[in-house]
Amino acid sequence: MKSNRLFFRKNMIALTGLFLCLFLIVHLSANCLLLLPQHTARGLYNAYSTFLRENPLIMVVAYALYASILVHVIYAVLVLIRNRKAKPVKYAVNLHRENSSWASQNMGALGALILIFIIVHLVNFWARIKLGIGAEVAYDEAGNKDIYEVTYTLFQNVYYVAFYTLLAIPLGFHLHHGLQAAFKTLGFYHQPGLQWLARVSLIYAVVISTGFGIIPIVVYFQ
């Protein structure tokens, strides 16, 4: 029974993790609009944000996203606790560096940092835009909520820029190991395929983390 429960939890972590990886690609693609000149970026970014908020299909995907984050975090914590209980005494000789990567040994800590990032991000954007908490969001000339102004103003604060940029580093490590681990959990053990997957995971992690880390810096200096 316990083994079946662990199997289910690990598979849920893998599936929700892969879904979140897809979301990050879409989210980063949209954020790349912020790299355009301000007079162009404002209209495109606000129109895109309005489309996301008003599209019924996207709303369903958004709820699936929220659920995936919760499931991913809850089951990851449960599996971490179970693993800690299973090994209450440390080995006299610890060979973890030879058997696994640094990221795999610290996925819990990396995940905790990313969770902090998500909470801060939701407070700064989701809570203000969706729930109306905080300063009222203005509208642009096209009648769309000026989400660009919200983002631009936030990234004029050097502390937020540093926070978003630095937290992109643990995100990269988490994604690099997590993407490979997810496929292995789901039964993908084709050796040449795993080598290819390792390269893809590295490229994916570098692109995503660099993208999310550099955009706040670019906006700050615009």
Protein backbone atom coordinates (compact mmCIF):
# COMPACT_ATOMS: atom_id res chain seq x y z
CA MET A 1 0.00 0.00 0.00
CA LYS A 2 2.78 2.44 0.96
CA SER A 3 4.73 1.63 -2.20
CA ASN A 4 1.64 2.27 -4.34
CA ARG A 5 1.07 5.57 -2.57
CA LEU A 6 4.70 6.60 -3.14
CA PHE A 7 4.47 5.56 -6.80
CA PHE A 8 1.34 7.69 -7.24
CA ARG A 9 2.88 10.71 -5.54
CA LYS A 10 6.06 10.56 -7.59
CA ASN A 11 4.09 10.25 -10.81
CA MET A 12 1.94 13.22 -9.86
CA ILE A 13 5.07 15.25 -9.12
CA ALA A 14 6.45 14.28 -12.53
CA LEU A 15 3.25 15.04 -14.47
CA THR A 16 2.58 18.36 -12.77
CA GLY A 17 6.25 19.27 -13.15
CA LEU A 18 6.15 18.67 -16.90
CA PHE A 19 2.97 20.74 -17.17
CA LEU A 20 4.67 23.57 -15.28
CA CYS A 21 7.67 23.30 -17.62
CA LEU A 22 5.35 23.86 -20.59
CA PHE A 23 3.77 26.82 -18.82
CA LEU A 24 7.18 28.41 -18.24
CA ILE A 25 7.87 28.32 -21.98
CA VAL A 26 4.62 30.16 -22.71
CA HIS A 27 5.12 32.60 -19.83
CA LEU A 28 8.68 33.46 -20.87
CA SER A 29 7.61 33.89 -24.49
CA ALA A 30 5.03 36.46 -23.39
CA ASN A 31 7.52 38.22 -21.12
CA CYS A 32 9.88 38.63 -24.07
CA LEU A 33 7.46 41.34 -25.26
CA LEU A 34 8.88 43.44 -22.42
CA LEU A 35 12.20 43.55 -24.28
CA LEU A 36 10.64 45.59 -27.09
CA PRO A 37 10.69 49.42 -27.05
CA GLN A 38 8.21 50.77 -24.51
CA HIS A 39 5.77 52.30 -27.00
CA THR A 40 5.46 48.91 -28.73
CA ALA A 41 5.71 46.65 -25.69
CA ARG A 42 2.96 48.40 -23.72
CA GLY A 43 0.19 47.85 -26.28
CA LEU A 44 1.19 44.27 -27.16
CA TYR A 45 1.72 43.18 -23.56
CA ASN A 46 -1.55 44.67 -22.33
CA ALA A 47 -3.53 43.21 -25.24
CA TYR A 48 -2.01 39.79 -24.63
CA SER A 49 -2.80 40.00 -20.89
CA THR A 50 -6.41 40.97 -21.64
CA PHE A 51 -6.75 38.01 -24.00
CA LEU A 52 -5.54 35.65 -21.29
CA ARG A 53 -7.94 37.02 -18.68
CA GLU A 54 -11.01 36.98 -20.92
CA ASN A 55 -10.52 33.70 -22.81
CA PRO A 56 -12.62 30.90 -21.21
CA LEU A 57 -10.20 28.18 -22.32
CA ILE A 58 -7.24 30.02 -20.83
CA MET A 59 -9.18 30.41 -17.59
CA VAL A 60 -9.53 26.61 -17.38
CA VAL A 61 -5.81 26.24 -18.04
CA ALA A 62 -5.12 28.83 -15.31
CA TYR A 63 -7.06 26.80 -12.74
CA ALA A 64 -5.17 23.69 -13.87
CA LEU A 65 -1.97 25.66 -13.34
CA TYR A 66 -2.91 26.65 -9.78
CA ALA A 67 -3.87 23.06 -9.00
CA SER A 68 -0.62 21.76 -10.49
CA ILE A 69 1.46 24.07 -8.31
CA LEU A 70 -0.37 22.96 -5.17
CA VAL A 71 -0.18 19.25 -6.02
CA HIS A 72 3.47 19.52 -7.03
CA VAL A 73 4.43 21.26 -3.78
CA ILE A 74 2.32 19.11 -1.45
CA TYR A 75 3.41 15.77 -2.88
CA ALA A 76 7.04 16.89 -3.12
CA VAL A 77 6.98 17.75 0.59
CA LEU A 78 5.35 14.41 1.44
CA VAL A 79 7.91 12.44 -0.56
CA LEU A 80 10.76 14.46 0.98
CA ILE A 81 9.48 13.74 4.49
CA ARG A 82 9.08 10.06 3.67
CA ASN A 83 12.64 9.88 2.32
CA ARG A 84 14.03 11.61 5.41
CA LYS A 85 12.21 9.15 7.70
CA ALA A 86 13.47 6.22 5.65
CA LYS A 87 17.09 7.32 6.27
CA PRO A 88 17.15 8.67 9.83
CA VAL A 89 20.86 7.90 10.30
CA LYS A 90 23.46 9.36 7.97
CA TYR A 91 25.91 6.96 6.40
CA ALA A 92 29.44 6.98 7.80
CA VAL A 93 30.75 7.49 4.28
CA ASN A 94 28.56 9.70 2.13
CA LEU A 95 29.09 9.07 -1.57
CA HIS A 96 26.21 11.20 -2.79
CA ARG A 97 28.51 13.35 -4.95
CA GLU A 98 29.56 10.27 -6.87
CA ASN A 99 26.04 8.88 -7.22
CA SER A 100 23.95 11.98 -7.94
CA SER A 101 24.19 15.64 -8.82
CA TRP A 102 24.23 18.52 -6.37
CA ALA A 103 20.80 19.63 -7.62
CA SER A 104 19.25 16.20 -7.00
CA GLN A 105 20.54 16.29 -3.40
CA ASN A 106 19.08 19.75 -2.81
CA MET A 107 15.77 19.69 -4.69
CA GLY A 108 13.89 20.42 -1.47
CA ALA A 109 15.87 23.58 -0.76
CA LEU A 110 15.70 24.67 -4.40
CA GLY A 111 11.96 24.04 -4.43
CA ALA A 112 11.52 26.12 -1.26
CA LEU A 113 13.30 29.08 -2.88
CA ILE A 114 11.14 28.76 -5.98
CA LEU A 115 8.01 28.62 -3.82
CA ILE A 116 9.07 31.90 -2.19
CA PHE A 117 9.54 33.32 -5.68
CA ILE A 118 6.05 32.19 -6.73
CA ILE A 119 4.42 33.68 -3.61
CA VAL A 120 6.12 37.05 -4.11
CA HIS A 121 5.21 36.98 -7.81
CA LEU A 122 1.55 36.23 -7.05
CA VAL A 123 1.40 39.03 -4.49
CA ASN A 124 2.89 41.54 -6.91
CA PHE A 125 0.82 40.60 -9.93
CA TRP A 126 -2.01 38.08 -9.47
CA ALA A 127 -3.35 39.51 -6.20
CA ARG A 128 -3.27 43.06 -7.52
CA ILE A 129 -4.63 42.38 -11.00
CA LYS A 130 -7.11 39.57 -10.32
CA LEU A 131 -8.19 40.37 -6.75
CA GLY A 132 -7.76 44.14 -6.72
CA ILE A 133 -5.50 44.05 -3.66
CA GLY A 134 -3.21 47.06 -3.47
CA ALA A 135 -3.02 50.07 -5.77
CA GLU A 136 -5.64 50.21 -8.51
CA VAL A 137 -4.45 49.18 -11.98
CA ALA A 138 -4.91 51.88 -14.63
CA TYR A 139 -6.00 51.37 -18.25
CA ASP A 140 -4.04 52.13 -21.40
CA GLU A 141 -5.24 54.02 -24.47
CA ALA A 142 -6.79 50.87 -25.96
CA GLY A 143 -8.92 50.28 -22.85
CA ASN A 144 -6.86 47.34 -21.58
CA LYS A 145 -5.59 47.07 -18.02
CA ASP A 146 -2.09 48.51 -18.05
CA ILE A 147 -0.25 45.41 -16.87
CA TYR A 148 2.86 46.72 -18.57
CA GLU A 149 2.91 49.71 -16.21
CA VAL A 150 2.55 47.37 -13.22
CA THR A 151 5.51 45.33 -14.43
CA TYR A 152 7.60 48.33 -15.44
CA THR A 153 7.06 50.05 -12.08
CA LEU A 154 7.96 46.91 -10.14
CA PHE A 155 11.17 46.46 -12.11
CA GLN A 156 12.26 50.03 -11.41
CA ASN A 157 12.85 48.87 -7.86
CA VAL A 158 16.41 47.56 -7.69
CA TYR A 159 15.58 45.21 -4.81
CA TYR A 160 12.86 43.48 -6.80
CA VAL A 161 15.14 43.28 -9.81
CA ALA A 162 17.83 41.63 -7.69
CA PHE A 163 15.26 39.27 -6.14
CA TYR A 164 13.83 38.13 -9.47
CA THR A 165 17.26 37.80 -11.07
CA LEU A 166 18.89 35.88 -8.22
CA LEU A 167 15.92 33.52 -7.77
CA ALA A 168 16.26 32.55 -11.44
CA ILE A 169 19.45 30.67 -10.48
CA PRO A 170 17.82 28.01 -8.23
CA LEU A 171 15.03 27.83 -10.81
CA GLY A 172 17.57 26.75 -13.42
CA PHE A 173 19.08 24.05 -11.19
CA HIS A 174 15.62 22.78 -10.24
CA LEU A 175 14.50 22.58 -13.86
CA HIS A 176 17.69 20.91 -15.05
CA HIS A 177 17.37 17.99 -12.66
CA GLY A 178 13.57 17.98 -12.44
CA LEU A 179 12.97 17.61 -16.16
CA GLN A 180 15.23 14.56 -16.37
CA ALA A 181 13.83 13.06 -13.17
CA ALA A 182 10.25 13.48 -14.39
CA PHE A 183 10.83 11.37 -17.50
CA LYS A 184 12.67 8.71 -15.50
CA THR A 185 9.81 8.57 -12.99
CA LEU A 186 7.37 8.01 -15.84
CA GLY A 187 9.45 5.06 -17.08
CA PHE A 188 11.73 6.59 -19.71
CA TYR A 189 15.02 4.69 -19.43
CA HIS A 190 16.22 4.45 -23.03
CA GLN A 191 19.96 5.06 -22.62
CA PRO A 192 20.64 7.07 -25.82
CA GLY A 193 17.40 8.93 -25.16
CA LEU A 194 18.52 9.80 -21.62
CA GLN A 195 21.74 11.29 -22.98
CA TRP A 196 19.73 13.38 -25.41
CA LEU A 197 17.33 14.33 -22.62
CA ALA A 198 20.22 15.49 -20.42
CA ARG A 199 21.37 17.91 -23.14
CA VAL A 200 17.83 19.17 -23.78
CA SER A 201 17.24 19.63 -20.05
CA LEU A 202 20.40 21.70 -19.72
CA ILE A 203 19.49 23.91 -22.69
CA TYR A 204 15.94 24.31 -21.42
CA ALA A 205 17.07 25.21 -17.90
CA VAL A 206 19.63 27.74 -19.13
CA VAL A 207 17.19 29.43 -21.52
CA ILE A 208 14.33 29.64 -19.00
CA SER A 209 16.41 30.78 -16.04
CA THR A 210 18.45 33.25 -18.11
CA GLY A 211 15.30 34.64 -19.70
CA PHE A 212 13.47 35.20 -16.44
CA GLY A 213 16.64 36.54 -14.84
CA ILE A 214 17.65 39.02 -17.51
CA ILE A 215 14.26 40.56 -18.38
CA PRO A 216 13.96 42.49 -15.07
CA ILE A 217 17.46 43.92 -15.68
CA VAL A 218 16.57 45.02 -19.21
CA VAL A 219 13.33 46.65 -18.05
CA TYR A 220 15.19 48.40 -15.22
CA PHE A 221 17.57 50.09 -17.64
CA GLN A 222 14.93 50.99 -20.24
